[in-house]
């Protein structure tokens, strides 16, 4: 997925808070759910406007960024 299909930052939507594209759901909500021990399925049940593909792509992109930072620091 392209980044603009995953995340949207628009000052007209949630005051520019990064949200899942096509929704008003902040990406931070997914991180909060996972940090709290909830599953991806539980998050998706709570926020049905977020597509599974978006959530998985967000997690994958985050992992790729962290791996790139780790490799650069090594």
PDB file of N, CA and C in Angstrom:
ATOM      1  N   UNK A   1       0.838  -1.181   0.000  1.00  0.00           N
ATOM      2  CA  UNK A   1       0.000   0.000   0.000  1.00  0.00           C
ATOM      3  C   UNK A   1       0.877   1.237   0.000  1.00  0.00           C
ATOM      4  N   UNK A   2       0.402   2.246  -0.681  1.00  0.00           N
ATOM      5  CA  UNK A   2       1.089   3.532  -0.652  1.00  0.00           C
ATOM      6  C   UNK A   2       0.829   4.212   0.688  1.00  0.00           C
ATOM      7  N   UNK A   3       1.782   5.032   1.105  1.00  0.00           N
ATOM      8  CA  UNK A   3       1.662   5.696   2.401  1.00  0.00           C
ATOM      9  C   UNK A   3       0.377   6.513   2.506  1.00  0.00           C
ATOM     10  N   UNK A   4      -0.018   7.186   1.414  1.00  0.00           N
ATOM     11  CA  UNK A   4      -1.235   8.004   1.466  1.00  0.00           C
ATOM     12  C   UNK A   4      -2.518   7.172   1.507  1.00  0.00           C
ATOM     13  N   UNK A   5      -2.388   5.863   1.336  1.00  0.00           N
ATOM     14  CA  UNK A   5      -3.528   4.960   1.508  1.00  0.00           C
ATOM     15  C   UNK A   5      -3.597   4.430   2.939  1.00  0.00           C
ATOM     16  N   UNK A   6      -2.507   4.656   3.680  1.00  0.00           N
ATOM     17  CA  UNK A   6      -2.434   4.175   5.057  1.00  0.00           C
ATOM     18  C   UNK A   6      -2.729   5.306   6.036  1.00  0.00           C
ATOM     19  N   UNK A   7      -1.985   6.396   5.901  1.00  0.00           N
ATOM     20  CA  UNK A   7      -2.064   7.513   6.846  1.00  0.00           C
ATOM     21  C   UNK A   7      -2.371   8.802   6.098  1.00  0.00           C
ATOM     22  N   UNK A   8      -3.170   9.640   6.740  1.00  0.00           N
ATOM     23  CA  UNK A   8      -3.470  10.963   6.202  1.00  0.00           C
ATOM     24  C   UNK A   8      -3.294  11.985   7.316  1.00  0.00           C
ATOM     25  N   UNK A   9      -2.597  13.056   6.993  1.00  0.00           N
ATOM     26  CA  UNK A   9      -2.466  14.181   7.913  1.00  0.00           C
ATOM     27  C   UNK A   9      -3.100  15.374   7.212  1.00  0.00           C
ATOM     28  N   UNK A  10      -4.224  15.817   7.734  1.00  0.00           N
ATOM     29  CA  UNK A  10      -4.988  16.898   7.120  1.00  0.00           C
ATOM     30  C   UNK A  10      -5.453  17.837   8.236  1.00  0.00           C
ATOM     31  N   UNK A  11      -5.088  19.119   8.162  1.00  0.00           N
ATOM     32  CA  UNK A  11      -5.504  20.038   9.225  1.00  0.00           C
ATOM     33  C   UNK A  11      -7.024  20.124   9.402  1.00  0.00           C
ATOM     34  N   UNK A  12      -7.773  19.698   8.392  1.00  0.00           N
ATOM     35  CA  UNK A  12      -9.237  19.742   8.468  1.00  0.00           C
ATOM     36  C   UNK A  12      -9.818  18.504   9.158  1.00  0.00           C
ATOM     37  N   UNK A  13      -8.978  17.482   9.375  1.00  0.00           N
ATOM     38  CA  UNK A  13      -9.441  16.242  10.004  1.00  0.00           C
ATOM     39  C   UNK A  13      -8.690  16.057  11.314  1.00  0.00           C
ATOM     40  N   UNK A  14      -9.406  16.058  12.406  1.00  0.00           N
ATOM     41  CA  UNK A  14      -8.830  15.855  13.734  1.00  0.00           C
ATOM     42  C   UNK A  14      -7.653  16.801  13.993  1.00  0.00           C
ATOM     43  N   UNK A  15      -7.763  18.024  13.505  1.00  0.00           N
ATOM     44  CA  UNK A  15      -6.747  19.074  13.711  1.00  0.00           C
ATOM     45  C   UNK A  15      -5.352  18.660  13.254  1.00  0.00           C
ATOM     46  N   UNK A  16      -5.282  17.812  12.226  1.00  0.00           N
ATOM     47  CA  UNK A  16      -3.987  17.415  11.675  1.00  0.00           C
ATOM     48  C   UNK A  16      -3.355  16.218  12.350  1.00  0.00           C
ATOM     49  N   UNK A  17      -4.069  15.580  13.261  1.00  0.00           N
ATOM     50  CA  UNK A  17      -3.565  14.364  13.897  1.00  0.00           C
ATOM     51  C   UNK A  17      -3.453  13.275  12.828  1.00  0.00           C
ATOM     52  N   UNK A  18      -2.335  12.551  12.768  1.00  0.00           N
ATOM     53  CA  UNK A  18      -2.228  11.463  11.787  1.00  0.00           C
ATOM     54  C   UNK A  18      -3.333  10.430  12.002  1.00  0.00           C
ATOM     55  N   UNK A  19      -4.124  10.207  10.964  1.00  0.00           N
ATOM     56  CA  UNK A  19      -5.249   9.273  11.022  1.00  0.00           C
ATOM     57  C   UNK A  19      -5.114   8.245   9.906  1.00  0.00           C
ATOM     58  N   UNK A  20      -5.804   7.140  10.078  1.00  0.00           N
ATOM     59  CA  UNK A  20      -5.879   6.176   8.984  1.00  0.00           C
ATOM     60  C   UNK A  20      -6.648   6.837   7.846  1.00  0.00           C
ATOM     61  N   UNK A  21      -6.123   6.739   6.648  1.00  0.00           N
ATOM     62  CA  UNK A  21      -6.718   7.381   5.479  1.00  0.00           C
ATOM     63  C   UNK A  21      -8.176   6.963   5.317  1.00  0.00           C
ATOM     64  N   UNK A  22      -9.027   7.945   5.034  1.00  0.00           N
ATOM     65  CA  UNK A  22     -10.444   7.694   4.828  1.00  0.00           C
ATOM     66  C   UNK A  22     -11.238   7.563   6.113  1.00  0.00           C
ATOM     67  N   UNK A  23     -10.580   7.819   7.257  1.00  0.00           N
ATOM     68  CA  UNK A  23     -11.262   7.705   8.549  1.00  0.00           C
ATOM     69  C   UNK A  23     -10.919   8.923   9.403  1.00  0.00           C
ATOM     70  N   UNK A  24     -11.497   8.945  10.580  1.00  0.00           N
ATOM     71  CA  UNK A  24     -11.140   9.941  11.591  1.00  0.00           C
ATOM     72  C   UNK A  24     -10.484   9.233  12.786  1.00  0.00           C
ATOM     73  N   UNK A  25      -9.919   8.073  12.527  1.00  0.00           N
ATOM     74  CA  UNK A  25      -9.308   7.257  13.581  1.00  0.00           C
ATOM     75  C   UNK A  25      -7.809   7.553  13.637  1.00  0.00           C
ATOM     76  N   UNK A  26      -7.345   8.142  14.737  1.00  0.00           N
ATOM     77  CA  UNK A  26      -5.912   8.411  14.864  1.00  0.00           C
ATOM     78  C   UNK A  26      -5.108   7.109  14.883  1.00  0.00           C
ATOM     79  N   UNK A  27      -3.954   7.115  14.227  1.00  0.00           N
ATOM     80  CA  UNK A  27      -3.103   5.927  14.229  1.00  0.00           C
ATOM     81  C   UNK A  27      -2.636   5.616  15.649  1.00  0.00           C
ATOM     82  N   UNK A  28      -2.571   6.624  16.504  1.00  0.00           N
ATOM     83  CA  UNK A  28      -2.186   6.420  17.898  1.00  0.00           C
ATOM     84  C   UNK A  28      -3.139   5.456  18.599  1.00  0.00           C
ATOM     85  N   UNK A  29      -4.399   5.426  18.150  1.00  0.00           N
ATOM     86  CA  UNK A  29      -5.372   4.514  18.766  1.00  0.00           C
ATOM     87  C   UNK A  29      -4.923   3.065  18.606  1.00  0.00           C
ATOM     88  N   UNK A  30      -4.381   2.715  17.444  1.00  0.00           N
ATOM     89  CA  UNK A  30      -3.885   1.354  17.235  1.00  0.00           C
ATOM     90  C   UNK A  30      -2.721   1.072  18.175  1.00  0.00           C
ATOM     91  N   UNK A  31      -1.801   2.002  18.270  1.00  0.00           N
ATOM     92  CA  UNK A  31      -0.661   1.817  19.170  1.00  0.00           C
ATOM     93  C   UNK A  31      -1.124   1.666  20.616  1.00  0.00           C
ATOM     94  N   UNK A  32      -2.100   2.456  21.016  1.00  0.00           N
ATOM     95  CA  UNK A  32      -2.630   2.368  22.374  1.00  0.00           C
ATOM     96  C   UNK A  32      -3.265   1.003  22.635  1.00  0.00           C
ATOM     97  N   UNK A  33      -4.027   0.501  21.663  1.00  0.00           N
ATOM     98  CA  UNK A  33      -4.646  -0.810  21.809  1.00  0.00           C
ATOM     99  C   UNK A  33      -3.583  -1.883  21.980  1.00  0.00           C
ATOM    100  N   UNK A  34      -2.583  -1.871  21.096  1.00  0.00           N
ATOM    101  CA  UNK A  34      -1.540  -2.891  21.154  1.00  0.00           C
ATOM    102  C   UNK A  34      -0.740  -2.795  22.442  1.00  0.00           C
ATOM    103  N   UNK A  35      -0.431  -1.574  22.859  1.00  0.00           N
ATOM    104  CA  UNK A  35       0.309  -1.372  24.106  1.00  0.00           C
ATOM    105  C   UNK A  35      -0.487  -1.889  25.299  1.00  0.00           C
ATOM    106  N   UNK A  36      -1.788  -1.754  25.229  1.00  0.00           N
ATOM    107  CA  UNK A  36      -2.649  -2.205  26.312  1.00  0.00           C
ATOM    108  C   UNK A  36      -2.899  -3.705  26.316  1.00  0.00           C
ATOM    109  N   UNK A  37      -2.318  -4.412  25.349  1.00  0.00           N
ATOM    110  CA  UNK A  37      -2.463  -5.865  25.306  1.00  0.00           C
ATOM    111  C   UNK A  37      -3.616  -6.356  24.461  1.00  0.00           C
ATOM    112  N   UNK A  38      -4.300  -5.446  23.791  1.00  0.00           N
ATOM    113  CA  UNK A  38      -5.402  -5.848  22.920  1.00  0.00           C
ATOM    114  C   UNK A  38      -4.850  -6.348  21.593  1.00  0.00           C
ATOM    115  N   UNK A  39      -5.627  -7.161  20.919  1.00  0.00           N
ATOM    116  CA  UNK A  39      -5.214  -7.707  19.630  1.00  0.00           C
ATOM    117  C   UNK A  39      -5.601  -6.769  18.493  1.00  0.00           C
ATOM    118  N   UNK A  40      -5.038  -7.031  17.340  1.00  0.00           N
ATOM    119  CA  UNK A  40      -5.401  -6.273  16.143  1.00  0.00           C
ATOM    120  C   UNK A  40      -6.884  -6.454  15.847  1.00  0.00           C
ATOM    121  N   UNK A  41      -7.378  -7.676  16.016  1.00  0.00           N
ATOM    122  CA  UNK A  41      -8.805  -7.923  15.776  1.00  0.00           C
ATOM    123  C   UNK A  41      -9.688  -7.102  16.704  1.00  0.00           C
ATOM    124  N   UNK A  42      -9.279  -6.965  17.965  1.00  0.00           N
ATOM    125  CA  UNK A  42     -10.054  -6.150  18.900  1.00  0.00           C
ATOM    126  C   UNK A  42     -10.058  -4.688  18.467  1.00  0.00           C
ATOM    127  N   UNK A  43      -8.912  -4.201  18.007  1.00  0.00           N
ATOM    128  CA  UNK A  43      -8.851  -2.833  17.504  1.00  0.00           C
ATOM    129  C   UNK A  43      -9.795  -2.659  16.324  1.00  0.00           C
ATOM    130  N   UNK A  44      -9.730  -3.586  15.380  1.00  0.00           N
ATOM    131  CA  UNK A  44     -10.563  -3.479  14.180  1.00  0.00           C
ATOM    132  C   UNK A  44     -12.046  -3.575  14.502  1.00  0.00           C
ATOM    133  N   UNK A  45     -12.401  -4.338  15.528  1.00  0.00           N
ATOM    134  CA  UNK A  45     -13.801  -4.399  15.964  1.00  0.00           C
ATOM    135  C   UNK A  45     -14.240  -3.050  16.523  1.00  0.00           C
ATOM    136  N   UNK A  46     -13.343  -2.386  17.247  1.00  0.00           N
ATOM    137  CA  UNK A  46     -13.661  -1.091  17.836  1.00  0.00           C
ATOM    138  C   UNK A  46     -13.670   0.048  16.831  1.00  0.00           C
ATOM    139  N   UNK A  47     -12.944  -0.132  15.735  1.00  0.00           N
ATOM    140  CA  UNK A  47     -12.829   0.915  14.714  1.00  0.00           C
ATOM    141  C   UNK A  47     -13.067   0.301  13.331  1.00  0.00           C
ATOM    142  N   UNK A  48     -14.312  -0.026  13.021  1.00  0.00           N
ATOM    143  CA  UNK A  48     -14.619  -0.739  11.782  1.00  0.00           C
ATOM    144  C   UNK A  48     -14.333   0.042  10.497  1.00  0.00           C
ATOM    145  N   UNK A  49     -14.092   1.342  10.588  1.00  0.00           N
ATOM    146  CA  UNK A  49     -13.773   2.103   9.373  1.00  0.00           C
ATOM    147  C   UNK A  49     -12.324   1.893   8.933  1.00  0.00           C
ATOM    148  N   UNK A  50     -11.490   1.368   9.834  1.00  0.00           N
ATOM    149  CA  UNK A  50     -10.093   1.080   9.487  1.00  0.00           C
ATOM    150  C   UNK A  50     -10.041  -0.293   8.832  1.00  0.00           C
ATOM    151  N   UNK A  51      -9.394  -0.365   7.681  1.00  0.00           N
ATOM    152  CA  UNK A  51      -9.246  -1.645   6.979  1.00  0.00           C
ATOM    153  C   UNK A  51      -8.074  -2.411   7.571  1.00  0.00           C
ATOM    154  N   UNK A  52      -8.231  -3.718   7.637  1.00  0.00           N
ATOM    155  CA  UNK A  52      -7.153  -4.574   8.138  1.00  0.00           C
ATOM    156  C   UNK A  52      -5.854  -4.294   7.375  1.00  0.00           C
ATOM    157  N   UNK A  53      -5.947  -4.129   6.071  1.00  0.00           N
ATOM    158  CA  UNK A  53      -4.757  -3.887   5.255  1.00  0.00           C
ATOM    159  C   UNK A  53      -4.038  -2.609   5.679  1.00  0.00           C
ATOM    160  N   UNK A  54      -4.797  -1.599   6.051  1.00  0.00           N
ATOM    161  CA  UNK A  54      -4.197  -0.346   6.522  1.00  0.00           C
ATOM    162  C   UNK A  54      -3.436  -0.568   7.823  1.00  0.00           C
ATOM    163  N   UNK A  55      -4.061  -1.243   8.765  1.00  0.00           N
ATOM    164  CA  UNK A  55      -3.447  -1.463  10.074  1.00  0.00           C
ATOM    165  C   UNK A  55      -2.186  -2.310   9.941  1.00  0.00           C
ATOM    166  N   UNK A  56      -2.254  -3.364   9.156  1.00  0.00           N
ATOM    167  CA  UNK A  56      -1.094  -4.237   8.964  1.00  0.00           C
ATOM    168  C   UNK A  56       0.019  -3.469   8.256  1.00  0.00           C
ATOM    169  N   UNK A  57      -0.323  -2.687   7.241  1.00  0.00           N
ATOM    170  CA  UNK A  57       0.685  -1.908   6.518  1.00  0.00           C
ATOM    171  C   UNK A  57       1.335  -0.882   7.440  1.00  0.00           C
ATOM    172  N   UNK A  58       0.556  -0.276   8.329  1.00  0.00           N
ATOM    173  CA  UNK A  58       1.105   0.684   9.284  1.00  0.00           C
ATOM    174  C   UNK A  58       2.127   0.009  10.195  1.00  0.00           C
ATOM    175  N   UNK A  59       1.782  -1.150  10.710  1.00  0.00           N
ATOM    176  CA  UNK A  59       2.690  -1.886  11.594  1.00  0.00           C
ATOM    177  C   UNK A  59       3.951  -2.291  10.826  1.00  0.00           C
ATOM    178  N   UNK A  60       3.779  -2.774   9.609  1.00  0.00           N
ATOM    179  CA  UNK A  60       4.935  -3.190   8.802  1.00  0.00           C
ATOM    180  C   UNK A  60       5.849  -2.012   8.500  1.00  0.00           C
ATOM    181  N   UNK A  61       5.277  -0.885   8.122  1.00  0.00           N
ATOM    182  CA  UNK A  61       6.092   0.311   7.833  1.00  0.00           C
ATOM    183  C   UNK A  61       6.863   0.749   9.063  1.00  0.00           C
ATOM    184  N   UNK A  62       6.223   0.712  10.217  1.00  0.00           N
ATOM    185  CA  UNK A  62       6.905   1.078  11.459  1.00  0.00           C
ATOM    186  C   UNK A  62       8.080   0.154  11.727  1.00  0.00           C
ATOM    187  N   UNK A  63       7.868  -1.134  11.529  1.00  0.00           N
ATOM    188  CA  UNK A  63       8.942  -2.099  11.723  1.00  0.00           C
ATOM    189  C   UNK A  63      10.097  -1.864  10.759  1.00  0.00           C
ATOM    190  N   UNK A  64       9.776  -1.577   9.506  1.00  0.00           N
ATOM    191  CA  UNK A  64      10.808  -1.306   8.508  1.00  0.00           C
ATOM    192  C   UNK A  64      11.619  -0.069   8.878  1.00  0.00           C
ATOM    193  N   UNK A  65      10.939   0.967   9.352  1.00  0.00           N
ATOM    194  CA  UNK A  65      11.648   2.188   9.760  1.00  0.00           C
ATOM    195  C   UNK A  65      12.576   1.908  10.928  1.00  0.00           C
ATOM    196  N   UNK A  66      12.102   1.181  11.915  1.00  0.00           N
ATOM    197  CA  UNK A  66      12.923   0.856  13.076  1.00  0.00           C
ATOM    198  C   UNK A  66      14.119  -0.004  12.688  1.00  0.00           C
ATOM    199  N   UNK A  67      13.927  -0.950  11.795  1.00  0.00           N
ATOM    200  CA  UNK A  67      15.042  -1.792  11.349  1.00  0.00           C
ATOM    201  C   UNK A  67      16.080  -0.942  10.611  1.00  0.00           C
ATOM    202  N   UNK A  68      15.618   0.003   9.812  1.00  0.00           N
ATOM    203  CA  UNK A  68      16.537   0.893   9.096  1.00  0.00           C
ATOM    204  C   UNK A  68      17.358   1.735  10.054  1.00  0.00           C
ATOM    205  N   UNK A  69      16.720   2.232  11.097  1.00  0.00           N
ATOM    206  CA  UNK A  69      17.417   3.035  12.108  1.00  0.00           C
ATOM    207  C   UNK A  69      18.439   2.164  12.845  1.00  0.00           C
ATOM    208  N   UNK A  70      18.014   0.949  13.205  1.00  0.00           N
ATOM    209  CA  UNK A  70      18.910   0.037  13.925  1.00  0.00           C
ATOM    210  C   UNK A  70      20.123  -0.317  13.080  1.00  0.00           C
ATOM    211  N   UNK A  71      19.901  -0.578  11.795  1.00  0.00           N
ATOM    212  CA  UNK A  71      21.010  -0.941  10.909  1.00  0.00           C
ATOM    213  C   UNK A  71      21.953   0.241  10.702  1.00  0.00           C
ATOM    214  N   UNK A  72      21.393   1.437  10.610  1.00  0.00           N
ATOM    215  CA  UNK A  72      22.216   2.633  10.422  1.00  0.00           C
ATOM    216  C   UNK A  72      23.062   2.908  11.660  1.00  0.00           C
ATOM    217  N   UNK A  73      22.547   2.574  12.824  1.00  0.00           N
ATOM    218  CA  UNK A  73      23.261   2.834  14.072  1.00  0.00           C
ATOM    219  C   UNK A  73      24.340   1.787  14.348  1.00  0.00           C
ATOM    220  N   UNK A  74      24.227   0.645  13.705  1.00  0.00           N
ATOM    221  CA  UNK A  74      25.172  -0.461  13.957  1.00  0.00           C
ATOM    222  C   UNK A  74      26.547  -0.206  13.355  1.00  0.00           C
TER     223      UNK A  74
END
